[in-house]
C-alpha atoms as a PDB file:
ATOM      1  CA  MET A   1      49.923  15.554  45.965  1.00  0.00           C
ATOM      2  CA  PRO A   2      52.595  17.340  48.090  1.00  0.00           C
ATOM      3  CA  HIS A   3      55.366  16.024  50.175  1.00  0.00           C
ATOM      4  CA  HIS A   4      55.286  17.080  53.903  1.00  0.00           C
ATOM      5  CA  ALA A   5      58.581  18.037  55.117  1.00  0.00           C
ATOM      6  CA  THR A   6      60.638  19.496  58.102  1.00  0.00           C
ATOM      7  CA  VAL A   7      63.885  21.475  58.254  1.00  0.00           C
ATOM      8  CA  THR A   8      65.944  22.764  60.856  1.00  0.00           C
ATOM      9  CA  THR A   9      66.959  25.892  61.146  1.00  0.00           C
ATOM     10  CA  SER A  10      68.703  27.744  64.408  1.00  0.00           C
ATOM     11  CA  THR A  11      65.844  29.049  65.291  1.00  0.00           C
ATOM     12  CA  LEU A  12      62.698  27.028  64.162  1.00  0.00           C
ATOM     13  CA  GLU A  13      61.462  23.824  63.214  1.00  0.00           C
ATOM     14  CA  ILE A  14      60.216  24.643  59.560  1.00  0.00           C
ATOM     15  CA  GLY A  15      57.119  22.336  58.245  1.00  0.00           C
ATOM     16  CA  TYR A  16      56.954  22.703  54.604  1.00  0.00           C
ATOM     17  CA  LEU A  17      55.053  21.240  51.696  1.00  0.00           C
ATOM     18  CA  GLU A  18      56.831  20.392  48.475  1.00  0.00           C
ATOM     19  CA  TRP A  19      55.961  19.521  44.875  1.00  0.00           C
ATOM     20  CA  ASN A  20      58.244  18.043  42.188  1.00  0.00           C
ATOM     21  CA  ALA A  21      61.116  17.332  43.858  1.00  0.00           C
ATOM     22  CA  GLN A  22      63.052  17.275  41.339  1.00  0.00           C
ATOM     23  CA  GLY A  23      62.028  20.519  39.263  1.00  0.00           C
ATOM     24  CA  GLU A  24      65.241  22.104  37.548  1.00  0.00           C
ATOM     25  CA  ARG A  25      64.266  25.181  39.248  1.00  0.00           C
ATOM     26  CA  THR A  26      63.136  26.074  42.762  1.00  0.00           C
ATOM     27  CA  ALA A  27      60.457  28.603  43.346  1.00  0.00           C
ATOM     28  CA  ILE A  28      59.271  29.088  47.220  1.00  0.00           C
ATOM     29  CA  LEU A  29      55.588  30.335  47.741  1.00  0.00           C
ATOM     30  CA  ILE A  30      54.919  32.105  51.155  1.00  0.00           C
ATOM     31  CA  HIS A  31      51.396  32.104  52.750  1.00  0.00           C
ATOM     32  CA  GLY A  32      50.267  35.394  54.506  1.00  0.00           C
ATOM     33  CA  TRP A  33      47.477  36.242  57.311  1.00  0.00           C
ATOM     34  CA  PRO A  34      45.442  34.270  57.956  1.00  0.00           C
ATOM     35  CA  ASP A  35      46.403  31.395  55.979  1.00  0.00           C
ATOM     36  CA  SER A  36      48.538  28.376  55.737  1.00  0.00           C
ATOM     37  CA  PRO A  37      50.893  26.540  53.297  1.00  0.00           C
ATOM     38  CA  GLU A  38      47.669  24.676  51.762  1.00  0.00           C
ATOM     39  CA  GLY A  39      46.417  27.715  50.212  1.00  0.00           C
ATOM     40  CA  TRP A  40      48.967  27.870  47.385  1.00  0.00           C
ATOM     41  CA  SER A  41      48.221  24.261  46.689  1.00  0.00           C
ATOM     42  CA  ASP A  42      46.792  25.273  42.851  1.00  0.00           C
ATOM     43  CA  VAL A  43      49.590  27.856  41.973  1.00  0.00           C
ATOM     44  CA  ALA A  44      51.891  25.172  43.401  1.00  0.00           C
ATOM     45  CA  GLU A  45      50.453  22.275  41.002  1.00  0.00           C
ATOM     46  CA  ARG A  46      50.544  24.694  38.094  1.00  0.00           C
ATOM     47  CA  LEU A  47      53.957  25.637  38.493  1.00  0.00           C
ATOM     48  CA  ALA A  48      55.053  21.835  39.216  1.00  0.00           C
ATOM     49  CA  GLN A  49      53.676  21.094  36.289  1.00  0.00           C
ATOM     50  CA  ALA A  50      55.742  23.668  34.156  1.00  0.00           C
ATOM     51  CA  GLY A  51      58.820  22.229  35.919  1.00  0.00           C
ATOM     52  CA  TYR A  52      59.431  23.481  39.041  1.00  0.00           C
ATOM     53  CA  ARG A  53      60.537  22.582  42.234  1.00  0.00           C
ATOM     54  CA  VAL A  54      58.191  24.190  44.683  1.00  0.00           C
ATOM     55  CA  LEU A  55      58.213  24.584  48.200  1.00  0.00           C
ATOM     56  CA  CYS A  56      55.639  26.079  50.716  1.00  0.00           C
ATOM     57  CA  PRO A  57      56.864  26.540  54.664  1.00  0.00           C
ATOM     58  CA  ALA A  58      54.365  27.569  57.235  1.00  0.00           C
ATOM     59  CA  LEU A  59      55.666  30.744  58.999  1.00  0.00           C
ATOM     60  CA  ARG A  60      56.567  30.846  62.386  1.00  0.00           C
ATOM     61  CA  GLY A  61      53.315  30.443  64.408  1.00  0.00           C
ATOM     62  CA  PHE A  62      51.613  28.601  62.256  1.00  0.00           C
ATOM     63  CA  GLY A  63      50.712  24.845  61.333  1.00  0.00           C
ATOM     64  CA  PRO A  64      53.476  22.165  61.845  1.00  0.00           C
ATOM     65  CA  THR A  65      56.262  25.222  62.567  1.00  0.00           C
ATOM     66  CA  ARG A  66      57.787  24.996  65.843  1.00  0.00           C
ATOM     67  CA  PHE A  67      60.406  27.259  67.613  1.00  0.00           C
ATOM     68  CA  ARG A  68      62.854  25.025  69.423  1.00  0.00           C
ATOM     69  CA  TYR A  69      63.358  26.847  72.242  1.00  0.00           C
ATOM     70  CA  ALA A  70      61.086  27.949  74.847  1.00  0.00           C
ATOM     71  CA  GLU A  71      63.519  30.906  76.038  1.00  0.00           C
ATOM     72  CA  THR A  72      63.073  32.491  72.121  1.00  0.00           C
ATOM     73  CA  PRO A  73      60.934  35.136  72.086  1.00  0.00           C
ATOM     74  CA  ARG A  74      57.790  34.488  70.006  1.00  0.00           C
ATOM     75  CA  SER A  75      58.210  37.775  67.717  1.00  0.00           C
ATOM     76  CA  GLY A  76      56.195  38.212  64.764  1.00  0.00           C
ATOM     77  CA  GLN A  77      58.200  41.635  63.654  1.00  0.00           C
ATOM     78  CA  LEU A  78      58.394  41.867  59.909  1.00  0.00           C
ATOM     79  CA  ALA A  79      62.158  41.462  59.838  1.00  0.00           C
ATOM     80  CA  SER A  80      62.208  38.064  61.720  1.00  0.00           C
ATOM     81  CA  LEU A  81      60.445  36.477  58.805  1.00  0.00           C
ATOM     82  CA  GLY A  82      62.695  37.654  55.942  1.00  0.00           C
ATOM     83  CA  ARG A  83      65.437  36.396  58.239  1.00  0.00           C
ATOM     84  CA  ASP A  84      63.348  32.936  58.952  1.00  0.00           C
ATOM     85  CA  LEU A  85      62.796  32.683  54.680  1.00  0.00           C
ATOM     86  CA  LEU A  86      66.602  33.002  54.492  1.00  0.00           C
ATOM     87  CA  ALA A  87      67.561  30.445  57.291  1.00  0.00           C
ATOM     88  CA  PHE A  88      65.212  28.397  55.258  1.00  0.00           C
ATOM     89  CA  MET A  89      66.869  28.738  52.188  1.00  0.00           C
ATOM     90  CA  ALA A  90      70.148  28.005  53.939  1.00  0.00           C
ATOM     91  CA  ALA A  91      69.325  24.891  55.337  1.00  0.00           C
ATOM     92  CA  LEU A  92      67.925  23.732  52.183  1.00  0.00           C
ATOM     93  CA  GLY A  93      70.898  24.797  50.294  1.00  0.00           C
ATOM     94  CA  LEU A  94      68.593  26.826  47.687  1.00  0.00           C
ATOM     95  CA  GLN A  95      70.361  28.918  45.273  1.00  0.00           C
ATOM     96  CA  HIS A  96      68.706  32.391  43.891  1.00  0.00           C
ATOM     97  CA  PRO A  97      64.967  30.907  44.030  1.00  0.00           C
ATOM     98  CA  ILE A  98      61.983  32.535  42.380  1.00  0.00           C
ATOM     99  CA  LEU A  99      60.626  34.277  45.889  1.00  0.00           C
ATOM    100  CA  VAL A 100      56.402  34.486  45.874  1.00  0.00           C
ATOM    101  CA  GLY A 101      54.916  35.489  48.742  1.00  0.00           C
ATOM    102  CA  HIS A 102      50.989  36.623  50.042  1.00  0.00           C
ATOM    103  CA  ASP A 103      50.163  39.414  52.641  1.00  0.00           C
ATOM    104  CA  TRP A 104      52.744  38.599  55.450  1.00  0.00           C
ATOM    105  CA  GLY A 105      54.909  36.456  53.301  1.00  0.00           C
ATOM    106  CA  ALA A 106      54.772  39.153  50.863  1.00  0.00           C
ATOM    107  CA  ARG A 107      56.526  40.807  53.598  1.00  0.00           C
ATOM    108  CA  ALA A 108      58.902  38.212  54.066  1.00  0.00           C
ATOM    109  CA  VAL A 109      60.275  37.668  50.697  1.00  0.00           C
ATOM    110  CA  ALA A 110      60.860  41.834  49.882  1.00  0.00           C
ATOM    111  CA  ASN A 111      62.279  41.776  53.389  1.00  0.00           C
ATOM    112  CA  ALA A 112      64.788  38.531  52.528  1.00  0.00           C
ATOM    113  CA  CYS A 113      65.608  40.488  49.420  1.00  0.00           C
ATOM    114  CA  GLY A 114      66.087  43.534  51.231  1.00  0.00           C
ATOM    115  CA  LEU A 115      68.589  41.731  53.588  1.00  0.00           C
ATOM    116  CA  ASP A 116      70.312  39.726  50.787  1.00  0.00           C
ATOM    117  CA  PRO A 117      70.121  41.328  47.483  1.00  0.00           C
ATOM    118  CA  ALA A 118      71.268  38.015  45.729  1.00  0.00           C
ATOM    119  CA  ALA A 119      68.338  36.001  47.968  1.00  0.00           C
ATOM    120  CA  GLY A 120      65.707  35.769  44.666  1.00  0.00           C
ATOM    121  CA  SER A 121      66.201  35.242  41.254  1.00  0.00           C
ATOM    122  CA  HIS A 122      62.576  37.108  41.016  1.00  0.00           C
ATOM    123  CA  LEU A 123      60.229  38.591  43.207  1.00  0.00           C
ATOM    124  CA  ILE A 124      56.543  38.397  43.407  1.00  0.00           C
ATOM    125  CA  MET A 125      54.205  40.099  45.641  1.00  0.00           C
ATOM    126  CA  LEU A 126      50.855  39.545  46.241  1.00  0.00           C
ATOM    127  CA  SER A 127      48.298  41.946  47.436  1.00  0.00           C
ATOM    128  CA  VAL A 128      50.800  44.003  49.667  1.00  0.00           C
ATOM    129  CA  GLY A 129      52.964  46.970  48.360  1.00  0.00           C
ATOM    130  CA  TYR A 130      56.355  47.526  48.907  1.00  0.00           C
ATOM    131  CA  GLY A 131      57.714  50.147  51.753  1.00  0.00           C
ATOM    132  CA  THR A 132      54.833  49.564  53.808  1.00  0.00           C
ATOM    133  CA  ASN A 133      56.399  47.996  56.597  1.00  0.00           C
ATOM    134  CA  ASP A 134      57.147  51.430  58.107  1.00  0.00           C
ATOM    135  CA  PRO A 135      54.931  52.702  61.122  1.00  0.00           C
ATOM    136  CA  GLN A 136      55.398  56.025  59.916  1.00  0.00           C
ATOM    137  CA  GLN A 137      54.273  55.411  56.557  1.00  0.00           C
ATOM    138  CA  PRO A 138      50.865  57.860  55.295  1.00  0.00           C
ATOM    139  CA  ILE A 139      47.767  55.932  55.186  1.00  0.00           C
ATOM    140  CA  SER A 140      44.542  56.999  54.021  1.00  0.00           C
ATOM    141  CA  LEU A 141      41.424  57.103  55.924  1.00  0.00           C
ATOM    142  CA  THR A 142      39.774  54.374  53.980  1.00  0.00           C
ATOM    143  CA  GLN A 143      43.254  52.066  54.776  1.00  0.00           C
ATOM    144  CA  ALA A 144      43.100  52.612  58.666  1.00  0.00           C
ATOM    145  CA  ARG A 145      39.128  51.777  58.559  1.00  0.00           C
ATOM    146  CA  ASN A 146      40.315  48.807  56.585  1.00  0.00           C
ATOM    147  CA  TYR A 147      43.163  47.910  59.298  1.00  0.00           C
ATOM    148  CA  TRP A 148      40.655  48.026  62.505  1.00  0.00           C
ATOM    149  CA  TYR A 149      41.590  44.759  62.920  1.00  0.00           C
ATOM    150  CA  HIS A 150      45.492  45.685  63.746  1.00  0.00           C
ATOM    151  CA  TRP A 151      44.279  48.412  66.634  1.00  0.00           C
ATOM    152  CA  TYR A 152      41.592  46.115  67.906  1.00  0.00           C
ATOM    153  CA  MET A 153      44.616  43.584  68.258  1.00  0.00           C
ATOM    154  CA  ALA A 154      46.371  46.430  70.073  1.00  0.00           C
ATOM    155  CA  THR A 155      43.792  46.293  72.796  1.00  0.00           C
ATOM    156  CA  PRO A 156      43.588  43.654  75.511  1.00  0.00           C
ATOM    157  CA  ARG A 157      39.892  42.555  74.134  1.00  0.00           C
ATOM    158  CA  GLY A 158      41.478  42.200  70.816  1.00  0.00           C
ATOM    159  CA  ALA A 159      44.418  40.077  72.539  1.00  0.00           C
ATOM    160  CA  LEU A 160      41.235  38.058  73.931  1.00  0.00           C
ATOM    161  CA  THR A 161      39.950  37.244  70.737  1.00  0.00           C
ATOM    162  CA  VAL A 162      43.125  36.223  69.350  1.00  0.00           C
ATOM    163  CA  GLU A 163      43.790  34.222  72.338  1.00  0.00           C
ATOM    164  CA  GLN A 164      40.110  32.544  72.693  1.00  0.00           C
ATOM    165  CA  ASP A 165      38.269  33.293  69.565  1.00  0.00           C
ATOM    166  CA  ARG A 166      40.664  32.739  66.900  1.00  0.00           C
ATOM    167  CA  HIS A 167      38.695  30.801  63.975  1.00  0.00           C
ATOM    168  CA  ALA A 168      35.415  33.222  64.429  1.00  0.00           C
ATOM    169  CA  PHE A 169      37.997  36.218  64.193  1.00  0.00           C
ATOM    170  CA  THR A 170      39.942  34.943  61.165  1.00  0.00           C
ATOM    171  CA  ARG A 171      36.699  34.155  59.105  1.00  0.00           C
ATOM    172  CA  MET A 172      35.168  37.460  59.947  1.00  0.00           C
ATOM    173  CA  MET A 173      38.403  38.678  57.646  1.00  0.00           C
ATOM    174  CA  TRP A 174      38.066  35.522  54.995  1.00  0.00           C
ATOM    175  CA  ASP A 175      34.125  37.072  54.918  1.00  0.00           C
ATOM    176  CA  SER A 176      35.053  40.626  54.307  1.00  0.00           C
ATOM    177  CA  TRP A 177      38.461  40.623  52.428  1.00  0.00           C
ATOM    178  CA  SER A 178      37.433  39.038  49.086  1.00  0.00           C
ATOM    179  CA  PRO A 179      33.664  39.025  47.176  1.00  0.00           C
ATOM    180  CA  ALA A 180      30.956  36.813  48.877  1.00  0.00           C
ATOM    181  CA  GLY A 181      30.964  33.430  48.236  1.00  0.00           C
ATOM    182  CA  TRP A 182      34.970  32.897  46.897  1.00  0.00           C
ATOM    183  CA  TYR A 183      35.765  29.958  49.556  1.00  0.00           C
ATOM    184  CA  GLN A 184      34.876  26.729  50.027  1.00  0.00           C
ATOM    185  CA  GLU A 185      33.975  25.540  54.006  1.00  0.00           C
ATOM    186  CA  LYS A 186      36.689  22.683  53.797  1.00  0.00           C
ATOM    187  CA  ASP A 187      38.960  25.522  52.445  1.00  0.00           C
ATOM    188  CA  PHE A 188      38.513  27.365  55.479  1.00  0.00           C
ATOM    189  CA  ALA A 189      38.916  24.666  58.024  1.00  0.00           C
ATOM    190  CA  THR A 190      42.300  23.520  56.062  1.00  0.00           C
ATOM    191  CA  ALA A 191      43.814  26.870  56.965  1.00  0.00           C
ATOM    192  CA  ALA A 192      42.283  27.216  60.211  1.00  0.00           C
ATOM    193  CA  ALA A 193      43.934  24.131  61.380  1.00  0.00           C
ATOM    194  CA  ALA A 194      46.821  26.181  60.927  1.00  0.00           C
ATOM    195  CA  PHE A 195      46.272  28.752  63.939  1.00  0.00           C
ATOM    196  CA  ASP A 196      46.162  26.166  66.356  1.00  0.00           C
ATOM    197  CA  ASN A 197      49.596  26.379  66.877  1.00  0.00           C
ATOM    198  CA  PRO A 198      50.857  27.055  70.427  1.00  0.00           C
ATOM    199  CA  ASP A 199      52.626  29.768  69.606  1.00  0.00           C
ATOM    200  CA  TRP A 200      50.056  31.006  66.852  1.00  0.00           C
ATOM    201  CA  ALA A 201      48.357  34.097  69.093  1.00  0.00           C
ATOM    202  CA  SER A 202      51.622  35.246  70.779  1.00  0.00           C
ATOM    203  CA  VAL A 203      53.073  35.881  67.317  1.00  0.00           C
ATOM    204  CA  VAL A 204      50.369  37.291  65.639  1.00  0.00           C
ATOM    205  CA  LEU A 205      49.960  39.885  68.498  1.00  0.00           C
ATOM    206  CA  HIS A 206      53.320  40.592  68.521  1.00  0.00           C
ATOM    207  CA  SER A 207      53.634  41.019  64.650  1.00  0.00           C
ATOM    208  CA  TYR A 208      50.616  43.401  64.869  1.00  0.00           C
ATOM    209  CA  ARG A 209      52.105  45.821  68.220  1.00  0.00           C
ATOM    210  CA  HIS A 210      55.134  45.889  66.897  1.00  0.00           C
ATOM    211  CA  ARG A 211      54.165  46.766  63.475  1.00  0.00           C
ATOM    212  CA  TRP A 212      53.303  50.327  64.986  1.00  0.00           C
ATOM    213  CA  GLY A 213      55.577  50.859  67.680  1.00  0.00           C
ATOM    214  CA  PHE A 214      53.125  49.258  70.106  1.00  0.00           C
ATOM    215  CA  ALA A 215      55.687  46.775  71.326  1.00  0.00           C
ATOM    216  CA  ALA A 216      59.484  45.960  71.612  1.00  0.00           C
ATOM    217  CA  GLY A 217      61.120  44.214  69.294  1.00  0.00           C
ATOM    218  CA  ASP A 218      63.497  41.290  69.643  1.00  0.00           C
ATOM    219  CA  PRO A 219      66.838  42.630  69.995  1.00  0.00           C
ATOM    220  CA  ALA A 220      68.061  39.799  67.862  1.00  0.00           C
ATOM    221  CA  TYR A 221      66.636  41.130  65.245  1.00  0.00           C
ATOM    222  CA  GLY A 222      67.859  44.817  65.568  1.00  0.00           C
ATOM    223  CA  GLU A 223      70.541  44.915  62.738  1.00  0.00           C
ATOM    224  CA  ASP A 224      67.573  43.832  60.229  1.00  0.00           C
ATOM    225  CA  GLU A 225      65.234  46.190  61.377  1.00  0.00           C
ATOM    226  CA  ALA A 226      67.766  49.052  60.804  1.00  0.00           C
ATOM    227  CA  ARG A 227      68.597  47.498  57.452  1.00  0.00           C
ATOM    228  CA  LEU A 228      65.136  47.315  56.408  1.00  0.00           C
ATOM    229  CA  THR A 229      63.717  51.179  57.828  1.00  0.00           C
ATOM    230  CA  PRO A 230      63.375  52.969  55.430  1.00  0.00           C
ATOM    231  CA  ALA A 231      62.832  50.355  52.946  1.00  0.00           C
ATOM    232  CA  PRO A 232      65.695  50.139  51.019  1.00  0.00           C
ATOM    233  CA  ARG A 233      65.668  49.761  46.923  1.00  0.00           C
ATOM    234  CA  LEU A 234      65.494  46.502  45.290  1.00  0.00           C
ATOM    235  CA  ALA A 235      67.336  45.703  41.899  1.00  0.00           C
ATOM    236  CA  VAL A 236      65.795  42.049  41.611  1.00  0.00           C
ATOM    237  CA  PRO A 237      62.718  42.130  38.808  1.00  0.00           C
ATOM    238  CA  THR A 238      59.862  42.391  41.030  1.00  0.00           C
ATOM    239  CA  LEU A 239      55.883  41.913  40.414  1.00  0.00           C
ATOM    240  CA  VAL A 240      53.124  42.794  42.383  1.00  0.00           C
ATOM    241  CA  LEU A 241      49.669  41.320  41.539  1.00  0.00           C
ATOM    242  CA  HIS A 242      46.994  42.662  43.625  1.00  0.00           C
ATOM    243  CA  GLY A 243      43.247  42.497  43.557  1.00  0.00           C
ATOM    244  CA  ASP A 244      41.379  45.209  42.548  1.00  0.00           C
ATOM    245  CA  ALA A 245      38.078  44.462  45.026  1.00  0.00           C
ATOM    246  CA  ASP A 246      40.985  43.738  48.105  1.00  0.00           C
ATOM    247  CA  ALA A 247      39.223  45.375  51.264  1.00  0.00           C
ATOM    248  CA  CYS A 248      42.210  44.658  53.306  1.00  0.00           C
ATOM    249  CA  ASN A 249      44.949  46.452  51.090  1.00  0.00           C
ATOM    250  CA  HIS A 250      43.253  48.934  49.062  1.00  0.00           C
ATOM    251  CA  PRO A 251      44.830  48.305  45.321  1.00  0.00           C
ATOM    252  CA  ASP A 252      46.076  52.035  46.125  1.00  0.00           C
ATOM    253  CA  SER A 253      48.387  50.622  48.373  1.00  0.00           C
ATOM    254  CA  SER A 254      50.713  49.281  46.157  1.00  0.00           C
ATOM    255  CA  ALA A 255      50.657  52.114  43.878  1.00  0.00           C
ATOM    256  CA  GLY A 256      53.358  54.143  42.820  1.00  0.00           C
ATOM    257  CA  LYS A 257      55.962  51.860  43.894  1.00  0.00           C
ATOM    258  CA  ASP A 258      58.211  52.213  40.799  1.00  0.00           C
ATOM    259  CA  ASP A 259      61.051  54.030  42.529  1.00  0.00           C
ATOM    260  CA  PHE A 260      62.117  51.809  45.081  1.00  0.00           C
ATOM    261  CA  PHE A 261      62.981  49.270  42.044  1.00  0.00           C
ATOM    262  CA  THR A 262      65.928  49.806  40.606  1.00  0.00           C
ATOM    263  CA  GLY A 263      65.416  46.689  38.105  1.00  0.00           C
ATOM    264  CA  PRO A 264      62.637  45.330  36.271  1.00  0.00           C
ATOM    265  CA  TYR A 265      59.237  46.175  37.931  1.00  0.00           C
ATOM    266  CA  HIS A 266      55.815  45.378  37.075  1.00  0.00           C
ATOM    267  CA  ARG A 267      52.323  46.063  39.108  1.00  0.00           C
ATOM    268  CA  GLN A 268      49.251  44.029  37.750  1.00  0.00           C
ATOM    269  CA  LEU A 269      45.703  44.383  38.789  1.00  0.00           C
ATOM    270  CA  LEU A 270      43.434  41.220  38.818  1.00  0.00           C
ATOM    271  CA  GLU A 271      39.913  42.189  38.401  1.00  0.00           C
ATOM    272  CA  GLY A 272      37.082  41.071  40.481  1.00  0.00           C
ATOM    273  CA  VAL A 273      39.415  39.608  43.060  1.00  0.00           C
ATOM    274  CA  GLY A 274      39.984  40.108  46.630  1.00  0.00           C
ATOM    275  CA  HIS A 275      42.800  39.878  49.247  1.00  0.00           C
ATOM    276  CA  PHE A 276      43.598  36.061  48.335  1.00  0.00           C
ATOM    277  CA  PRO A 277      44.270  36.025  44.380  1.00  0.00           C
ATOM    278  CA  HIS A 278      45.987  32.426  44.758  1.00  0.00           C
ATOM    279  CA  ARG A 279      43.177  31.186  46.182  1.00  0.00           C
ATOM    280  CA  GLU A 280      40.608  33.112  43.895  1.00  0.00           C
ATOM    281  CA  ALA A 281      42.051  33.355  41.086  1.00  0.00           C
ATOM    282  CA  PRO A 282      45.025  30.605  41.236  1.00  0.00           C
ATOM    283  CA  GLU A 283      45.368  29.903  36.952  1.00  0.00           C
ATOM    284  CA  GLN A 284      45.726  33.325  36.493  1.00  0.00           C
ATOM    285  CA  VAL A 285      48.133  33.999  39.190  1.00  0.00           C
ATOM    286  CA  ALA A 286      50.169  30.925  38.295  1.00  0.00           C
ATOM    287  CA  ALA A 287      50.015  31.893  34.527  1.00  0.00           C
ATOM    288  CA  ALA A 288      51.553  35.733  35.841  1.00  0.00           C
ATOM    289  CA  ILE A 289      54.085  34.667  37.987  1.00  0.00           C
ATOM    290  CA  LEU A 290      55.287  31.893  34.906  1.00  0.00           C
ATOM    291  CA  THR A 291      54.788  34.539  32.108  1.00  0.00           C
ATOM    292  CA  PHE A 292      57.418  36.985  34.212  1.00  0.00           C
ATOM    293  CA  VAL A 293      60.038  34.714  35.109  1.00  0.00           C
ATOM    294  CA  GLN A 294      60.091  33.463  31.644  1.00  0.00           C
ATOM    295  CA  ARG A 295      60.332  36.991  30.317  1.00  0.00           C
END
């Protein structure tokens, strides 16, 4: 069973789950949207059994994580997620952990490495292709259709849905992004509890609106944004895991990214897996991570 803990940074009180506190190496697993740290449990257990200390923090606006000050903008811009991860690592005194992220979490770990090339020993991204933070990026019509919820949240009606009907809205993503029948009711209930954070709606709406240039960013992250746009080339050994049945980020969206990496880079498609590989195929995901980092 994981241990529940909290750590303080300059901006946040970050809640996190921890497995195997005495592990010799550390792996940080970052959840995505709409999800929670508990989604990593099956993968975390396997990594802990392999000797790793495993930490799963809640992103800003999710679960037990709280902003320390009322005046801090409730920004969800992607640069802030990378900076939050670096602050989390610094607060715990972590040196070169393995960084694993899904969806928003994949953007967080990649951005952390973009801001600090020595941040992690390895980078593993699930369900997201690197270099896809830029609002000017080319996207196919298929992917534009998949992003309907991005465009919807840019409207007043979408904002009301996020604020007032968040559980039904996020369940729609769970029901449509992966093959039918992949989750149990208790799994969604646990994740959805993390969306009751008082800042969840503000962070989510700002994240998607800022991503496409519909909202201004927090000036506190201006320097970071400049360093991350265009996406910097990375030397950290990187693995991308993408379900070939992902109906949110089409598998093609993570293809052809080799030129972004000067170090070892590998991309693996997971057959029959949708947008939540760590939940749908935890044994396969854990094995892929362990094989990659031990190579």
